[in-house]
Amino acid sequence: MHSESNSQKVQASGNETALLHVIGQLMEEVHPEVQLSQSLSLDSSLDRDLGLDSLARVELLARLEQQFNLSLPEHALANAESPRDLLRHIEKSAPRAAKPQVPQTVSTETSQKEDLAPLGVDTLLAVLESHV
């Protein structure tokens, strides 16, 4: 039982590190002029200290769901005031189920649609422009 508590501590520490890393990456993109390396902690205020508005919070939630392979409840976004609050939601959430495998066969209808897709296009705007 002692080793079980140690492994839980290691996992919690790993979750903390991963959470702070995801937040740090988002902060570099949202506020590149701010250096947060020393001030980012589990107790930082998402609003006051980090300046995350509602759109940045939605992006953060999406990144956390992808990083930890789970679905966080919507109230996690609204109620979380600090990374520690987000960590609690992460630790309570169950992992997402694996996506069902899609059969590898391709119908002629699908291959015809793929032929219409523009080559070398990597954004939605570019796809729309190619169809205009």
N, C-alpha and C. Protein backbone atom coordinates (compact mmCIF):
# COMPACT_ATOMS: atom_id res chain seq x y z
N MET A 1 0.81 -1.18 0.00
CA MET A 1 0.00 0.00 0.00
C MET A 1 0.87 1.26 0.00
N HIS A 2 2.04 1.15 0.61
CA HIS A 2 2.96 2.28 0.64
C HIS A 2 3.40 2.66 -0.77
N SER A 3 3.71 1.66 -1.61
CA SER A 3 4.14 1.94 -2.97
C SER A 3 3.00 2.53 -3.79
N GLU A 4 1.76 2.16 -3.46
CA GLU A 4 0.61 2.72 -4.17
C GLU A 4 0.50 4.21 -3.92
N SER A 5 0.69 4.66 -2.70
CA SER A 5 0.61 6.09 -2.41
C SER A 5 1.77 6.83 -3.07
N ASN A 6 2.94 6.20 -3.14
CA ASN A 6 4.07 6.82 -3.83
C ASN A 6 3.78 6.98 -5.32
N SER A 7 3.18 5.97 -5.94
CA SER A 7 2.88 6.07 -7.37
C SER A 7 1.80 7.12 -7.61
N GLN A 8 0.87 7.28 -6.68
CA GLN A 8 -0.14 8.33 -6.82
C GLN A 8 0.51 9.70 -6.72
N LYS A 9 1.50 9.85 -5.82
CA LYS A 9 2.21 11.12 -5.69
C LYS A 9 2.99 11.43 -6.96
N VAL A 10 3.63 10.42 -7.53
CA VAL A 10 4.39 10.62 -8.76
C VAL A 10 3.46 11.01 -9.89
N GLN A 11 2.29 10.34 -9.99
CA GLN A 11 1.34 10.68 -11.04
C GLN A 11 0.81 12.09 -10.83
N ALA A 12 0.49 12.46 -9.59
CA ALA A 12 0.01 13.81 -9.31
C ALA A 12 1.07 14.83 -9.68
N SER A 13 2.32 14.54 -9.35
CA SER A 13 3.41 15.45 -9.70
C SER A 13 3.54 15.56 -11.22
N GLY A 14 3.38 14.44 -11.93
CA GLY A 14 3.42 14.46 -13.38
C GLY A 14 2.27 15.27 -13.96
N ASN A 15 1.09 15.12 -13.36
CA ASN A 15 -0.07 15.90 -13.81
C ASN A 15 0.15 17.39 -13.58
N GLU A 16 0.72 17.74 -12.43
CA GLU A 16 1.01 19.15 -12.13
C GLU A 16 1.97 19.73 -13.15
N THR A 17 3.03 18.99 -13.43
CA THR A 17 4.04 19.44 -14.38
C THR A 17 3.44 19.60 -15.77
N ALA A 18 2.66 18.61 -16.21
CA ALA A 18 2.05 18.67 -17.54
C ALA A 18 1.05 19.82 -17.62
N LEU A 19 0.27 20.03 -16.56
CA LEU A 19 -0.71 21.12 -16.53
C LEU A 19 -0.01 22.47 -16.64
N LEU A 20 1.02 22.66 -15.84
CA LEU A 20 1.73 23.94 -15.87
C LEU A 20 2.44 24.14 -17.20
N HIS A 21 2.89 23.07 -17.81
CA HIS A 21 3.53 23.17 -19.13
C HIS A 21 2.52 23.62 -20.18
N VAL A 22 1.33 23.02 -20.18
CA VAL A 22 0.28 23.40 -21.14
C VAL A 22 -0.11 24.87 -20.94
N ILE A 23 -0.27 25.28 -19.70
CA ILE A 23 -0.63 26.67 -19.41
C ILE A 23 0.49 27.60 -19.87
N GLY A 24 1.73 27.21 -19.60
CA GLY A 24 2.87 28.03 -20.02
C GLY A 24 2.94 28.19 -21.53
N GLN A 25 2.69 27.11 -22.27
CA GLN A 25 2.69 27.21 -23.73
C GLN A 25 1.60 28.15 -24.22
N LEU A 26 0.41 28.03 -23.64
CA LEU A 26 -0.69 28.91 -24.03
C LEU A 26 -0.36 30.36 -23.71
N MET A 27 0.24 30.58 -22.56
CA MET A 27 0.59 31.95 -22.16
C MET A 27 1.62 32.55 -23.12
N GLU A 28 2.56 31.75 -23.59
CA GLU A 28 3.55 32.24 -24.55
C GLU A 28 2.87 32.69 -25.84
N GLU A 29 1.80 32.00 -26.22
CA GLU A 29 1.08 32.36 -27.44
C GLU A 29 0.15 33.55 -27.24
N VAL A 30 -0.53 33.59 -26.10
CA VAL A 30 -1.51 34.64 -25.84
C VAL A 30 -0.83 35.94 -25.42
N HIS A 31 0.15 35.85 -24.56
CA HIS A 31 0.86 37.03 -24.04
C HIS A 31 2.37 36.83 -24.21
N PRO A 32 2.88 36.89 -25.46
CA PRO A 32 4.32 36.62 -25.66
C PRO A 32 5.23 37.63 -24.99
N GLU A 33 4.71 38.80 -24.68
CA GLU A 33 5.54 39.83 -24.05
C GLU A 33 5.76 39.61 -22.56
N VAL A 34 5.00 38.69 -21.95
CA VAL A 34 5.07 38.46 -20.51
C VAL A 34 5.92 37.23 -20.23
N GLN A 35 6.87 37.37 -19.30
CA GLN A 35 7.69 36.24 -18.86
C GLN A 35 7.08 35.67 -17.59
N LEU A 36 6.54 34.45 -17.66
CA LEU A 36 5.83 33.87 -16.52
C LEU A 36 6.60 32.75 -15.82
N SER A 37 7.80 32.48 -16.22
CA SER A 37 8.49 31.30 -15.72
C SER A 37 8.52 31.20 -14.19
N GLN A 38 8.76 32.31 -13.50
CA GLN A 38 8.81 32.24 -12.04
C GLN A 38 7.42 32.40 -11.41
N SER A 39 6.53 33.15 -12.04
CA SER A 39 5.26 33.46 -11.39
C SER A 39 4.17 32.44 -11.65
N LEU A 40 4.34 31.53 -12.61
CA LEU A 40 3.32 30.52 -12.90
C LEU A 40 3.38 29.42 -11.86
N SER A 41 2.27 29.24 -11.14
CA SER A 41 2.19 28.19 -10.13
C SER A 41 0.77 27.65 -10.10
N LEU A 42 0.57 26.61 -9.31
CA LEU A 42 -0.77 26.03 -9.18
C LEU A 42 -1.75 27.01 -8.54
N ASP A 43 -1.25 27.99 -7.83
CA ASP A 43 -2.13 28.94 -7.16
C ASP A 43 -2.25 30.28 -7.88
N SER A 44 -1.71 30.39 -9.09
CA SER A 44 -1.86 31.61 -9.88
C SER A 44 -3.33 31.79 -10.26
N SER A 45 -3.78 33.02 -10.23
CA SER A 45 -5.15 33.31 -10.65
C SER A 45 -5.20 33.31 -12.17
N LEU A 46 -6.15 32.54 -12.73
CA LEU A 46 -6.27 32.48 -14.18
C LEU A 46 -6.61 33.85 -14.76
N ASP A 47 -7.42 34.61 -14.04
CA ASP A 47 -7.81 35.94 -14.52
C ASP A 47 -6.75 36.98 -14.18
N ARG A 48 -6.53 37.18 -12.90
CA ARG A 48 -5.70 38.28 -12.42
C ARG A 48 -4.22 38.10 -12.76
N ASP A 49 -3.66 36.94 -12.45
CA ASP A 49 -2.22 36.74 -12.64
C ASP A 49 -1.86 36.38 -14.09
N LEU A 50 -2.69 35.56 -14.72
CA LEU A 50 -2.36 35.06 -16.05
C LEU A 50 -3.08 35.80 -17.17
N GLY A 51 -4.12 36.53 -16.83
CA GLY A 51 -4.83 37.32 -17.84
C GLY A 51 -5.54 36.49 -18.88
N LEU A 52 -6.05 35.32 -18.50
CA LEU A 52 -6.75 34.46 -19.46
C LEU A 52 -8.22 34.88 -19.56
N ASP A 53 -8.61 35.36 -20.74
CA ASP A 53 -10.01 35.72 -20.96
C ASP A 53 -10.79 34.45 -21.30
N SER A 54 -12.07 34.61 -21.60
CA SER A 54 -12.93 33.45 -21.82
C SER A 54 -12.49 32.63 -23.03
N LEU A 55 -12.05 33.28 -24.08
CA LEU A 55 -11.60 32.55 -25.27
C LEU A 55 -10.32 31.76 -24.97
N ALA A 56 -9.40 32.35 -24.25
CA ALA A 56 -8.17 31.65 -23.89
C ALA A 56 -8.47 30.48 -22.95
N ARG A 57 -9.46 30.63 -22.09
CA ARG A 57 -9.85 29.53 -21.19
C ARG A 57 -10.42 28.36 -21.97
N VAL A 58 -11.23 28.66 -23.01
CA VAL A 58 -11.78 27.60 -23.84
C VAL A 58 -10.64 26.86 -24.54
N GLU A 59 -9.68 27.59 -25.06
CA GLU A 59 -8.52 26.98 -25.71
C GLU A 59 -7.73 26.14 -24.70
N LEU A 60 -7.56 26.65 -23.50
CA LEU A 60 -6.84 25.91 -22.46
C LEU A 60 -7.56 24.61 -22.14
N LEU A 61 -8.88 24.66 -22.01
CA LEU A 61 -9.64 23.46 -21.70
C LEU A 61 -9.48 22.43 -22.81
N ALA A 62 -9.53 22.87 -24.07
CA ALA A 62 -9.36 21.95 -25.20
C ALA A 62 -7.97 21.31 -25.17
N ARG A 63 -6.96 22.11 -24.88
CA ARG A 63 -5.59 21.57 -24.82
C ARG A 63 -5.42 20.58 -23.67
N LEU A 64 -6.05 20.89 -22.54
CA LEU A 64 -5.96 19.97 -21.40
C LEU A 64 -6.66 18.66 -21.69
N GLU A 65 -7.81 18.73 -22.35
CA GLU A 65 -8.52 17.51 -22.71
C GLU A 65 -7.68 16.66 -23.64
N GLN A 66 -7.00 17.29 -24.57
CA GLN A 66 -6.14 16.55 -25.49
C GLN A 66 -4.91 16.01 -24.77
N GLN A 67 -4.27 16.82 -23.95
CA GLN A 67 -3.06 16.41 -23.23
C GLN A 67 -3.32 15.22 -22.32
N PHE A 68 -4.44 15.26 -21.59
CA PHE A 68 -4.73 14.23 -20.60
C PHE A 68 -5.70 13.17 -21.11
N ASN A 69 -6.13 13.28 -22.38
CA ASN A 69 -7.05 12.34 -23.00
C ASN A 69 -8.31 12.12 -22.14
N LEU A 70 -8.97 13.22 -21.85
CA LEU A 70 -10.19 13.15 -21.05
C LEU A 70 -11.15 14.26 -21.46
N SER A 71 -12.37 14.16 -21.00
CA SER A 71 -13.37 15.20 -21.24
C SER A 71 -13.65 15.88 -19.91
N LEU A 72 -13.40 17.16 -19.86
CA LEU A 72 -13.65 17.92 -18.64
C LEU A 72 -15.06 18.49 -18.68
N PRO A 73 -15.73 18.56 -17.53
CA PRO A 73 -17.07 19.13 -17.51
C PRO A 73 -17.04 20.62 -17.83
N GLU A 74 -18.13 21.12 -18.40
CA GLU A 74 -18.19 22.53 -18.78
C GLU A 74 -18.02 23.45 -17.58
N HIS A 75 -18.55 23.04 -16.43
CA HIS A 75 -18.42 23.91 -15.25
C HIS A 75 -16.98 24.04 -14.79
N ALA A 76 -16.10 23.13 -15.23
CA ALA A 76 -14.68 23.26 -14.88
C ALA A 76 -14.11 24.55 -15.43
N LEU A 77 -14.56 24.91 -16.61
CA LEU A 77 -14.10 26.13 -17.25
C LEU A 77 -14.59 27.36 -16.51
N ALA A 78 -15.85 27.35 -16.13
CA ALA A 78 -16.45 28.52 -15.48
C ALA A 78 -16.02 28.68 -14.03
N ASN A 79 -15.84 27.56 -13.33
CA ASN A 79 -15.58 27.62 -11.89
C ASN A 79 -14.10 27.67 -11.51
N ALA A 80 -13.23 27.29 -12.42
CA ALA A 80 -11.80 27.23 -12.08
C ALA A 80 -11.24 28.63 -11.95
N GLU A 81 -10.60 28.89 -10.81
CA GLU A 81 -9.97 30.19 -10.58
C GLU A 81 -8.45 30.09 -10.63
N SER A 82 -7.93 28.85 -10.57
CA SER A 82 -6.48 28.66 -10.57
C SER A 82 -6.15 27.34 -11.25
N PRO A 83 -4.90 27.15 -11.62
CA PRO A 83 -4.50 25.85 -12.16
C PRO A 83 -4.78 24.70 -11.19
N ARG A 84 -4.71 24.97 -9.89
CA ARG A 84 -5.00 23.92 -8.91
C ARG A 84 -6.44 23.43 -9.04
N ASP A 85 -7.37 24.34 -9.32
CA ASP A 85 -8.77 23.95 -9.54
C ASP A 85 -8.88 23.06 -10.78
N LEU A 86 -8.16 23.43 -11.82
CA LEU A 86 -8.18 22.61 -13.04
C LEU A 86 -7.59 21.23 -12.76
N LEU A 87 -6.52 21.19 -11.96
CA LEU A 87 -5.89 19.92 -11.62
C LEU A 87 -6.87 19.01 -10.89
N ARG A 88 -7.67 19.56 -10.00
CA ARG A 88 -8.68 18.76 -9.29
C ARG A 88 -9.66 18.15 -10.28
N HIS A 89 -10.10 18.93 -11.27
CA HIS A 89 -11.03 18.41 -12.28
C HIS A 89 -10.35 17.33 -13.12
N ILE A 90 -9.09 17.51 -13.45
CA ILE A 90 -8.35 16.53 -14.24
C ILE A 90 -8.25 15.21 -13.48
N GLU A 91 -7.94 15.30 -12.20
CA GLU A 91 -7.77 14.08 -11.40
C GLU A 91 -9.08 13.37 -11.14
N LYS A 92 -10.21 14.08 -11.18
CA LYS A 92 -11.52 13.47 -10.98
C LYS A 92 -12.08 12.86 -12.26
N SER A 93 -11.64 13.35 -13.43
CA SER A 93 -12.21 12.93 -14.70
C SER A 93 -11.65 11.59 -15.15
N ALA A 94 -12.52 10.81 -15.78
CA ALA A 94 -12.11 9.53 -16.33
C ALA A 94 -11.58 9.73 -17.75
N PRO A 95 -10.64 8.90 -18.16
CA PRO A 95 -10.12 9.01 -19.53
C PRO A 95 -11.21 8.77 -20.56
N ARG A 96 -11.06 9.41 -21.72
CA ARG A 96 -12.01 9.20 -22.81
C ARG A 96 -11.85 7.79 -23.34
N ALA A 97 -12.95 7.26 -23.86
CA ALA A 97 -12.90 5.96 -24.51
C ALA A 97 -12.16 6.10 -25.84
N ALA A 98 -11.54 5.04 -26.25
CA ALA A 98 -10.83 5.06 -27.53
C ALA A 98 -11.82 5.26 -28.66
N LYS A 99 -11.40 5.98 -29.68
CA LYS A 99 -12.25 6.21 -30.83
C LYS A 99 -12.39 4.92 -31.61
N PRO A 100 -13.60 4.66 -32.13
CA PRO A 100 -13.78 3.43 -32.91
C PRO A 100 -12.94 3.48 -34.19
N GLN A 101 -12.43 2.34 -34.58
CA GLN A 101 -11.62 2.26 -35.78
C GLN A 101 -12.51 2.33 -37.02
N VAL A 102 -12.10 3.12 -37.99
CA VAL A 102 -12.82 3.26 -39.24
C VAL A 102 -12.29 2.22 -40.20
N PRO A 103 -13.18 1.52 -40.92
CA PRO A 103 -12.70 0.52 -41.87
C PRO A 103 -11.79 1.15 -42.92
N GLN A 104 -10.82 0.39 -43.39
CA GLN A 104 -9.85 0.90 -44.34
C GLN A 104 -10.33 0.90 -45.79
N THR A 105 -11.50 0.31 -46.06
CA THR A 105 -11.99 0.30 -47.43
C THR A 105 -12.49 1.67 -47.81
N VAL A 106 -12.28 2.05 -49.08
CA VAL A 106 -12.68 3.35 -49.57
C VAL A 106 -13.65 3.15 -50.72
N SER A 107 -14.81 3.77 -50.62
CA SER A 107 -15.78 3.65 -51.71
C SER A 107 -15.39 4.59 -52.84
N THR A 108 -15.97 4.37 -54.03
CA THR A 108 -15.67 5.24 -55.17
C THR A 108 -16.18 6.64 -54.91
N GLU A 109 -17.29 6.77 -54.18
CA GLU A 109 -17.83 8.09 -53.88
C GLU A 109 -16.83 8.88 -53.03
N THR A 110 -16.24 8.22 -52.04
CA THR A 110 -15.27 8.88 -51.18
C THR A 110 -14.03 9.29 -51.97
N SER A 111 -13.54 8.41 -52.84
CA SER A 111 -12.33 8.74 -53.58
C SER A 111 -12.58 9.88 -54.55
N GLN A 112 -13.80 9.99 -55.10
CA GLN A 112 -14.11 11.11 -55.98
C GLN A 112 -14.10 12.42 -55.20
N LYS A 113 -14.61 12.41 -53.98
CA LYS A 113 -14.60 13.61 -53.16
C LYS A 113 -13.18 14.00 -52.79
N GLU A 114 -12.33 13.01 -52.54
CA GLU A 114 -10.94 13.31 -52.20
C GLU A 114 -10.22 13.96 -53.38
N ASP A 115 -10.61 13.60 -54.61
CA ASP A 115 -10.00 14.20 -55.78
C ASP A 115 -10.31 15.69 -55.87
N LEU A 116 -11.42 16.13 -55.28
CA LEU A 116 -11.81 17.52 -55.32
C LEU A 116 -11.07 18.36 -54.27
N ALA A 117 -10.45 17.71 -53.34
CA ALA A 117 -9.74 18.44 -52.28
C ALA A 117 -8.50 19.12 -52.87
N PRO A 118 -8.29 20.39 -52.57
CA PRO A 118 -7.12 21.10 -53.10
C PRO A 118 -5.83 20.57 -52.47
N LEU A 119 -4.79 20.55 -53.26
CA LEU A 119 -3.49 20.07 -52.78
C LEU A 119 -2.74 21.19 -52.09
N GLY A 120 -2.02 20.86 -51.05
CA GLY A 120 -1.17 21.82 -50.37
C GLY A 120 -1.92 22.87 -49.57
N VAL A 121 -3.17 22.60 -49.25
CA VAL A 121 -3.96 23.56 -48.48
C VAL A 121 -4.00 23.09 -47.04
N ASP A 122 -3.68 24.01 -46.10
CA ASP A 122 -3.63 23.61 -44.71
C ASP A 122 -4.50 24.46 -43.78
N THR A 123 -5.27 25.38 -44.34
CA THR A 123 -6.17 26.17 -43.49
C THR A 123 -7.56 26.20 -44.11
N LEU A 124 -8.55 26.47 -43.30
CA LEU A 124 -9.92 26.56 -43.77
C LEU A 124 -10.07 27.69 -44.76
N LEU A 125 -9.43 28.81 -44.49
CA LEU A 125 -9.50 29.95 -45.39
C LEU A 125 -8.95 29.60 -46.77
N ALA A 126 -7.85 28.87 -46.82
CA ALA A 126 -7.27 28.47 -48.09
C ALA A 126 -8.18 27.52 -48.85
N VAL A 127 -8.87 26.62 -48.14
CA VAL A 127 -9.82 25.72 -48.78
C VAL A 127 -10.95 26.53 -49.39
N LEU A 128 -11.49 27.47 -48.64
CA LEU A 128 -12.58 28.30 -49.16
C LEU A 128 -12.13 29.11 -50.36
N GLU A 129 -10.94 29.66 -50.29
CA GLU A 129 -10.42 30.45 -51.42
C GLU A 129 -10.23 29.58 -52.66
N SER A 130 -9.84 28.33 -52.48
CA SER A 130 -9.62 27.46 -53.63
C SER A 130 -10.94 27.10 -54.32
N HIS A 131 -12.03 27.12 -53.58
CA HIS A 131 -13.34 26.81 -54.16
C HIS A 131 -13.99 28.03 -54.80
N VAL A 132 -13.48 29.21 -54.52
CA VAL A 132 -14.04 30.44 -55.11
C VAL A 132 -13.48 30.63 -56.44
